[in-house]
Amino acid sequence: MSNEALDREVATSDSGSRYAEVQRSTEFTDLRRRFRRFVFTLTALFMAWYFLYVLLSSFAVGFMSTKVFGEINVGLIFGLLQFVSTFAITVIYVRWADRHFDPAAEALRERVEGSAQ
């Protein structure tokens, strides 16, 4: 559906069907697809990293208990890196959303709200 056709549909329909029409639009579908692809990819990577940590802790005890310096061992470093990776994922998501997702969502919202008036 073209932008003009979407604008006409949104302008002539009531609010419930207006948003249903937006939901069926290619812009919204593309926005949702890009969001899911980004979020599911990051989630899969984090889960793989987390399960690697759990599996190494369970089945590679010798490796995980290897001293790196003082009383600090590989397992402790990997455990702390879980926190670091969580914050890194948050920063990556915020930057991605600010650059790609939010501008597209805002443009779609403005068009829908603008054509509703």
N, C-alpha and C. Protein backbone atom coordinates (compact mmCIF):
# COMPACT_ATOMS: atom_id res chain seq x y z
N MET A 1 0.85 -1.17 0.00
CA MET A 1 0.00 0.00 0.00
C MET A 1 0.90 1.23 0.00
N SER A 2 0.60 2.19 -0.86
CA SER A 2 1.41 3.40 -0.96
C SER A 2 1.12 4.33 0.22
N ASN A 3 2.02 5.28 0.42
CA ASN A 3 1.83 6.26 1.49
C ASN A 3 0.55 7.04 1.30
N GLU A 4 0.26 7.44 0.05
CA GLU A 4 -0.95 8.22 -0.22
C GLU A 4 -2.20 7.39 0.08
N ALA A 5 -2.18 6.13 -0.32
CA ALA A 5 -3.34 5.26 -0.06
C ALA A 5 -3.53 5.05 1.43
N LEU A 6 -2.41 4.87 2.14
CA LEU A 6 -2.51 4.71 3.59
C LEU A 6 -3.06 5.98 4.22
N ASP A 7 -2.59 7.13 3.78
CA ASP A 7 -3.07 8.40 4.32
C ASP A 7 -4.57 8.56 4.09
N ARG A 8 -5.05 8.21 2.88
CA ARG A 8 -6.48 8.31 2.59
C ARG A 8 -7.29 7.35 3.46
N GLU A 9 -6.79 6.12 3.60
CA GLU A 9 -7.50 5.13 4.42
C GLU A 9 -7.58 5.59 5.87
N VAL A 10 -6.47 6.09 6.38
CA VAL A 10 -6.44 6.53 7.77
C VAL A 10 -7.36 7.72 7.98
N ALA A 11 -7.38 8.64 7.02
CA ALA A 11 -8.19 9.85 7.16
C ALA A 11 -9.68 9.54 7.11
N THR A 12 -10.08 8.55 6.35
CA THR A 12 -11.52 8.29 6.17
C THR A 12 -12.08 7.24 7.12
N SER A 13 -11.25 6.60 7.91
CA SER A 13 -11.75 5.53 8.77
C SER A 13 -11.86 6.01 10.21
N ASP A 14 -12.61 5.24 11.01
CA ASP A 14 -12.67 5.57 12.42
C ASP A 14 -11.38 5.12 13.10
N SER A 15 -11.20 5.50 14.38
CA SER A 15 -9.91 5.29 15.04
C SER A 15 -9.53 3.82 15.15
N GLY A 16 -10.47 2.94 15.44
CA GLY A 16 -10.14 1.52 15.58
C GLY A 16 -9.66 0.91 14.29
N SER A 17 -10.40 1.15 13.22
CA SER A 17 -9.98 0.59 11.94
C SER A 17 -8.79 1.34 11.37
N ARG A 18 -8.61 2.60 11.76
CA ARG A 18 -7.45 3.37 11.32
C ARG A 18 -6.16 2.69 11.79
N TYR A 19 -6.13 2.32 13.04
CA TYR A 19 -4.93 1.68 13.56
C TYR A 19 -4.77 0.26 13.05
N ALA A 20 -5.87 -0.40 12.77
CA ALA A 20 -5.78 -1.73 12.15
C ALA A 20 -5.18 -1.60 10.75
N GLU A 21 -5.56 -0.56 10.05
CA GLU A 21 -5.02 -0.30 8.71
C GLU A 21 -3.53 0.00 8.78
N VAL A 22 -3.13 0.79 9.76
CA VAL A 22 -1.71 1.09 9.95
C VAL A 22 -0.95 -0.19 10.24
N GLN A 23 -1.52 -1.04 11.06
CA GLN A 23 -0.87 -2.30 11.40
C GLN A 23 -0.66 -3.17 10.17
N ARG A 24 -1.53 -3.07 9.19
CA ARG A 24 -1.39 -3.86 7.97
C ARG A 24 -0.49 -3.18 6.94
N SER A 25 -0.08 -1.95 7.20
CA SER A 25 0.73 -1.21 6.22
C SER A 25 2.14 -1.80 6.10
N THR A 26 2.74 -1.57 4.96
CA THR A 26 4.11 -2.07 4.74
C THR A 26 5.11 -1.36 5.64
N GLU A 27 4.86 -0.08 5.95
CA GLU A 27 5.78 0.65 6.83
C GLU A 27 5.81 0.04 8.22
N PHE A 28 4.62 -0.24 8.75
CA PHE A 28 4.54 -0.83 10.09
C PHE A 28 5.13 -2.24 10.09
N THR A 29 4.80 -3.01 9.07
CA THR A 29 5.33 -4.38 8.96
C THR A 29 6.84 -4.36 8.89
N ASP A 30 7.40 -3.45 8.11
CA ASP A 30 8.86 -3.33 8.01
C ASP A 30 9.47 -2.91 9.34
N LEU A 31 8.83 -1.97 10.02
CA LEU A 31 9.31 -1.51 11.32
C LEU A 31 9.32 -2.66 12.33
N ARG A 32 8.25 -3.41 12.36
CA ARG A 32 8.16 -4.55 13.29
C ARG A 32 9.19 -5.63 12.94
N ARG A 33 9.37 -5.89 11.63
CA ARG A 33 10.35 -6.89 11.20
C ARG A 33 11.77 -6.48 11.60
N ARG A 34 12.14 -5.21 11.39
CA ARG A 34 13.48 -4.76 11.76
C ARG A 34 13.69 -4.83 13.27
N PHE A 35 12.66 -4.46 14.04
CA PHE A 35 12.76 -4.53 15.50
C PHE A 35 12.97 -5.97 15.96
N ARG A 36 12.14 -6.87 15.45
CA ARG A 36 12.25 -8.27 15.86
C ARG A 36 13.59 -8.87 15.47
N ARG A 37 14.06 -8.58 14.26
CA ARG A 37 15.33 -9.13 13.81
C ARG A 37 16.47 -8.66 14.73
N PHE A 38 16.46 -7.38 15.08
CA PHE A 38 17.51 -6.85 15.94
C PHE A 38 17.43 -7.45 17.34
N VAL A 39 16.24 -7.42 17.93
CA VAL A 39 16.08 -7.87 19.32
C VAL A 39 16.29 -9.37 19.44
N PHE A 40 15.73 -10.16 18.54
CA PHE A 40 15.90 -11.61 18.63
C PHE A 40 17.35 -12.02 18.42
N THR A 41 18.05 -11.32 17.53
CA THR A 41 19.47 -11.63 17.32
C THR A 41 20.28 -11.35 18.58
N LEU A 42 20.08 -10.17 19.18
CA LEU A 42 20.81 -9.86 20.40
C LEU A 42 20.44 -10.82 21.54
N THR A 43 19.17 -11.17 21.63
CA THR A 43 18.74 -12.10 22.67
C THR A 43 19.37 -13.47 22.48
N ALA A 44 19.41 -13.95 21.25
CA ALA A 44 20.03 -15.26 20.97
C ALA A 44 21.51 -15.24 21.31
N LEU A 45 22.20 -14.16 20.95
CA LEU A 45 23.62 -14.07 21.27
C LEU A 45 23.86 -14.04 22.78
N PHE A 46 23.04 -13.27 23.49
CA PHE A 46 23.21 -13.22 24.93
C PHE A 46 22.90 -14.57 25.58
N MET A 47 21.84 -15.21 25.13
CA MET A 47 21.49 -16.51 25.71
C MET A 47 22.59 -17.54 25.44
N ALA A 48 23.17 -17.52 24.26
CA ALA A 48 24.28 -18.43 23.95
C ALA A 48 25.45 -18.16 24.89
N TRP A 49 25.78 -16.89 25.09
CA TRP A 49 26.87 -16.51 25.99
C TRP A 49 26.55 -16.96 27.43
N TYR A 50 25.31 -16.75 27.87
CA TYR A 50 24.92 -17.14 29.21
C TYR A 50 24.99 -18.66 29.39
N PHE A 51 24.44 -19.42 28.43
CA PHE A 51 24.47 -20.87 28.55
C PHE A 51 25.89 -21.42 28.44
N LEU A 52 26.75 -20.76 27.67
CA LEU A 52 28.16 -21.16 27.65
C LEU A 52 28.76 -21.02 29.04
N TYR A 53 28.46 -19.93 29.70
CA TYR A 53 28.95 -19.71 31.06
C TYR A 53 28.43 -20.79 32.01
N VAL A 54 27.15 -21.09 31.94
CA VAL A 54 26.57 -22.11 32.81
C VAL A 54 27.18 -23.48 32.52
N LEU A 55 27.29 -23.83 31.24
CA LEU A 55 27.86 -25.14 30.88
C LEU A 55 29.32 -25.25 31.28
N LEU A 56 30.10 -24.20 31.07
CA LEU A 56 31.49 -24.23 31.50
C LEU A 56 31.59 -24.36 33.02
N SER A 57 30.71 -23.67 33.74
CA SER A 57 30.71 -23.77 35.20
C SER A 57 30.39 -25.17 35.67
N SER A 58 29.54 -25.87 34.92
CA SER A 58 29.13 -27.21 35.32
C SER A 58 30.10 -28.30 34.86
N PHE A 59 30.61 -28.16 33.64
CA PHE A 59 31.36 -29.26 33.04
C PHE A 59 32.84 -28.97 32.82
N ALA A 60 33.28 -27.75 33.00
CA ALA A 60 34.69 -27.42 32.85
C ALA A 60 35.19 -26.73 34.11
N VAL A 61 34.98 -27.41 35.23
CA VAL A 61 35.32 -26.84 36.53
C VAL A 61 36.81 -26.51 36.61
N GLY A 62 37.64 -27.35 36.06
CA GLY A 62 39.08 -27.10 36.08
C GLY A 62 39.44 -25.81 35.36
N PHE A 63 38.85 -25.63 34.20
CA PHE A 63 39.11 -24.41 33.43
C PHE A 63 38.59 -23.18 34.17
N MET A 64 37.37 -23.27 34.67
CA MET A 64 36.75 -22.12 35.33
C MET A 64 37.44 -21.76 36.64
N SER A 65 38.09 -22.73 37.27
CA SER A 65 38.78 -22.44 38.53
C SER A 65 40.24 -22.06 38.33
N THR A 66 40.67 -21.93 37.09
CA THR A 66 42.04 -21.51 36.80
C THR A 66 42.26 -20.10 37.32
N LYS A 67 43.30 -19.94 38.13
CA LYS A 67 43.62 -18.63 38.71
C LYS A 67 44.22 -17.73 37.63
N VAL A 68 43.73 -16.52 37.57
CA VAL A 68 44.25 -15.55 36.61
C VAL A 68 45.24 -14.63 37.32
N PHE A 69 44.84 -14.08 38.44
CA PHE A 69 45.74 -13.33 39.31
C PHE A 69 45.14 -13.31 40.71
N GLY A 70 45.98 -13.52 41.70
CA GLY A 70 45.51 -13.60 43.09
C GLY A 70 44.46 -14.67 43.24
N GLU A 71 43.35 -14.30 43.85
CA GLU A 71 42.23 -15.22 44.03
C GLU A 71 41.19 -15.11 42.91
N ILE A 72 41.48 -14.34 41.91
CA ILE A 72 40.56 -14.14 40.80
C ILE A 72 40.74 -15.27 39.79
N ASN A 73 39.66 -15.98 39.49
CA ASN A 73 39.75 -17.08 38.54
C ASN A 73 38.91 -16.79 37.29
N VAL A 74 39.01 -17.67 36.31
CA VAL A 74 38.30 -17.51 35.04
C VAL A 74 36.79 -17.44 35.27
N GLY A 75 36.26 -18.28 36.14
CA GLY A 75 34.82 -18.29 36.40
C GLY A 75 34.31 -16.96 36.93
N LEU A 76 35.07 -16.34 37.83
CA LEU A 76 34.68 -15.04 38.37
C LEU A 76 34.71 -13.97 37.27
N ILE A 77 35.72 -14.01 36.44
CA ILE A 77 35.80 -13.04 35.33
C ILE A 77 34.64 -13.24 34.38
N PHE A 78 34.34 -14.49 34.01
CA PHE A 78 33.21 -14.74 33.11
C PHE A 78 31.89 -14.30 33.75
N GLY A 79 31.75 -14.53 35.05
CA GLY A 79 30.54 -14.10 35.75
C GLY A 79 30.37 -12.59 35.73
N LEU A 80 31.45 -11.87 35.97
CA LEU A 80 31.39 -10.41 35.91
C LEU A 80 31.13 -9.91 34.49
N LEU A 81 31.66 -10.64 33.51
CA LEU A 81 31.41 -10.27 32.12
C LEU A 81 29.94 -10.44 31.73
N GLN A 82 29.19 -11.26 32.46
CA GLN A 82 27.75 -11.36 32.23
C GLN A 82 27.09 -10.01 32.50
N PHE A 83 27.51 -9.35 33.58
CA PHE A 83 26.96 -8.03 33.89
C PHE A 83 27.39 -7.00 32.83
N VAL A 84 28.65 -7.05 32.46
CA VAL A 84 29.16 -6.13 31.45
C VAL A 84 28.40 -6.30 30.14
N SER A 85 28.17 -7.55 29.74
CA SER A 85 27.46 -7.79 28.48
C SER A 85 26.01 -7.30 28.54
N THR A 86 25.39 -7.39 29.71
CA THR A 86 24.03 -6.89 29.86
C THR A 86 23.98 -5.38 29.65
N PHE A 87 24.92 -4.67 30.25
CA PHE A 87 24.97 -3.22 30.04
C PHE A 87 25.34 -2.87 28.60
N ALA A 88 26.23 -3.65 28.01
CA ALA A 88 26.61 -3.41 26.61
C ALA A 88 25.41 -3.60 25.68
N ILE A 89 24.62 -4.62 25.93
CA ILE A 89 23.42 -4.85 25.11
C ILE A 89 22.46 -3.67 25.25
N THR A 90 22.32 -3.15 26.45
CA THR A 90 21.44 -2.00 26.66
C THR A 90 21.93 -0.79 25.87
N VAL A 91 23.22 -0.52 25.92
CA VAL A 91 23.79 0.61 25.18
C VAL A 91 23.63 0.40 23.68
N ILE A 92 23.89 -0.80 23.21
CA ILE A 92 23.74 -1.10 21.78
C ILE A 92 22.29 -0.91 21.34
N TYR A 93 21.35 -1.39 22.12
CA TYR A 93 19.93 -1.24 21.77
C TYR A 93 19.53 0.23 21.73
N VAL A 94 19.91 0.99 22.74
CA VAL A 94 19.53 2.40 22.80
C VAL A 94 20.09 3.15 21.59
N ARG A 95 21.34 2.90 21.25
CA ARG A 95 21.93 3.58 20.09
C ARG A 95 21.23 3.17 18.80
N TRP A 96 20.94 1.87 18.66
CA TRP A 96 20.25 1.39 17.46
C TRP A 96 18.86 2.02 17.36
N ALA A 97 18.13 2.02 18.48
CA ALA A 97 16.78 2.57 18.48
C ALA A 97 16.81 4.06 18.16
N ASP A 98 17.76 4.79 18.73
CA ASP A 98 17.85 6.23 18.47
C ASP A 98 18.13 6.52 17.00
N ARG A 99 18.94 5.69 16.35
CA ARG A 99 19.32 5.93 14.97
C ARG A 99 18.33 5.39 13.96
N HIS A 100 17.76 4.21 14.22
CA HIS A 100 16.99 3.52 13.20
C HIS A 100 15.50 3.37 13.54
N PHE A 101 15.21 2.87 14.71
CA PHE A 101 13.84 2.50 15.04
C PHE A 101 12.97 3.71 15.38
N ASP A 102 13.43 4.53 16.30
CA ASP A 102 12.62 5.66 16.78
C ASP A 102 12.28 6.66 15.67
N PRO A 103 13.22 7.04 14.80
CA PRO A 103 12.83 7.97 13.73
C PRO A 103 11.74 7.40 12.80
N ALA A 104 11.85 6.13 12.46
CA ALA A 104 10.84 5.51 11.59
C ALA A 104 9.50 5.41 12.31
N ALA A 105 9.51 5.04 13.58
CA ALA A 105 8.26 4.95 14.35
C ALA A 105 7.64 6.33 14.52
N GLU A 106 8.46 7.33 14.75
CA GLU A 106 7.95 8.70 14.91
C GLU A 106 7.33 9.21 13.61
N ALA A 107 7.96 8.93 12.48
CA ALA A 107 7.42 9.36 11.19
C ALA A 107 6.07 8.69 10.93
N LEU A 108 5.97 7.42 11.24
CA LEU A 108 4.71 6.70 11.06
C LEU A 108 3.64 7.26 11.99
N ARG A 109 3.99 7.53 13.23
CA ARG A 109 3.04 8.09 14.19
C ARG A 109 2.55 9.46 13.75
N GLU A 110 3.47 10.32 13.30
CA GLU A 110 3.08 11.65 12.86
C GLU A 110 2.14 11.59 11.66
N ARG A 111 2.41 10.67 10.74
CA ARG A 111 1.56 10.55 9.58
C ARG A 111 0.17 10.07 9.97
N VAL A 112 0.10 9.10 10.88
CA VAL A 112 -1.19 8.59 11.32
C VAL A 112 -1.95 9.65 12.09
N GLU A 113 -1.30 10.32 13.01
CA GLU A 113 -1.99 11.35 13.80
C GLU A 113 -2.32 12.57 12.94
N GLY A 114 -1.44 12.88 11.99
CA GLY A 114 -1.69 14.02 11.12
C GLY A 114 -2.87 13.80 10.19
N SER A 115 -3.02 12.59 9.70
CA SER A 115 -4.12 12.30 8.78
C SER A 115 -5.41 12.03 9.53
N ALA A 116 -5.35 11.90 10.85
CA ALA A 116 -6.57 11.67 11.63
C ALA A 116 -7.29 12.98 11.92
N GLN A 117 -6.59 14.08 11.72
CA GLN A 117 -7.19 15.39 12.06
C GLN A 117 -7.90 16.01 10.89
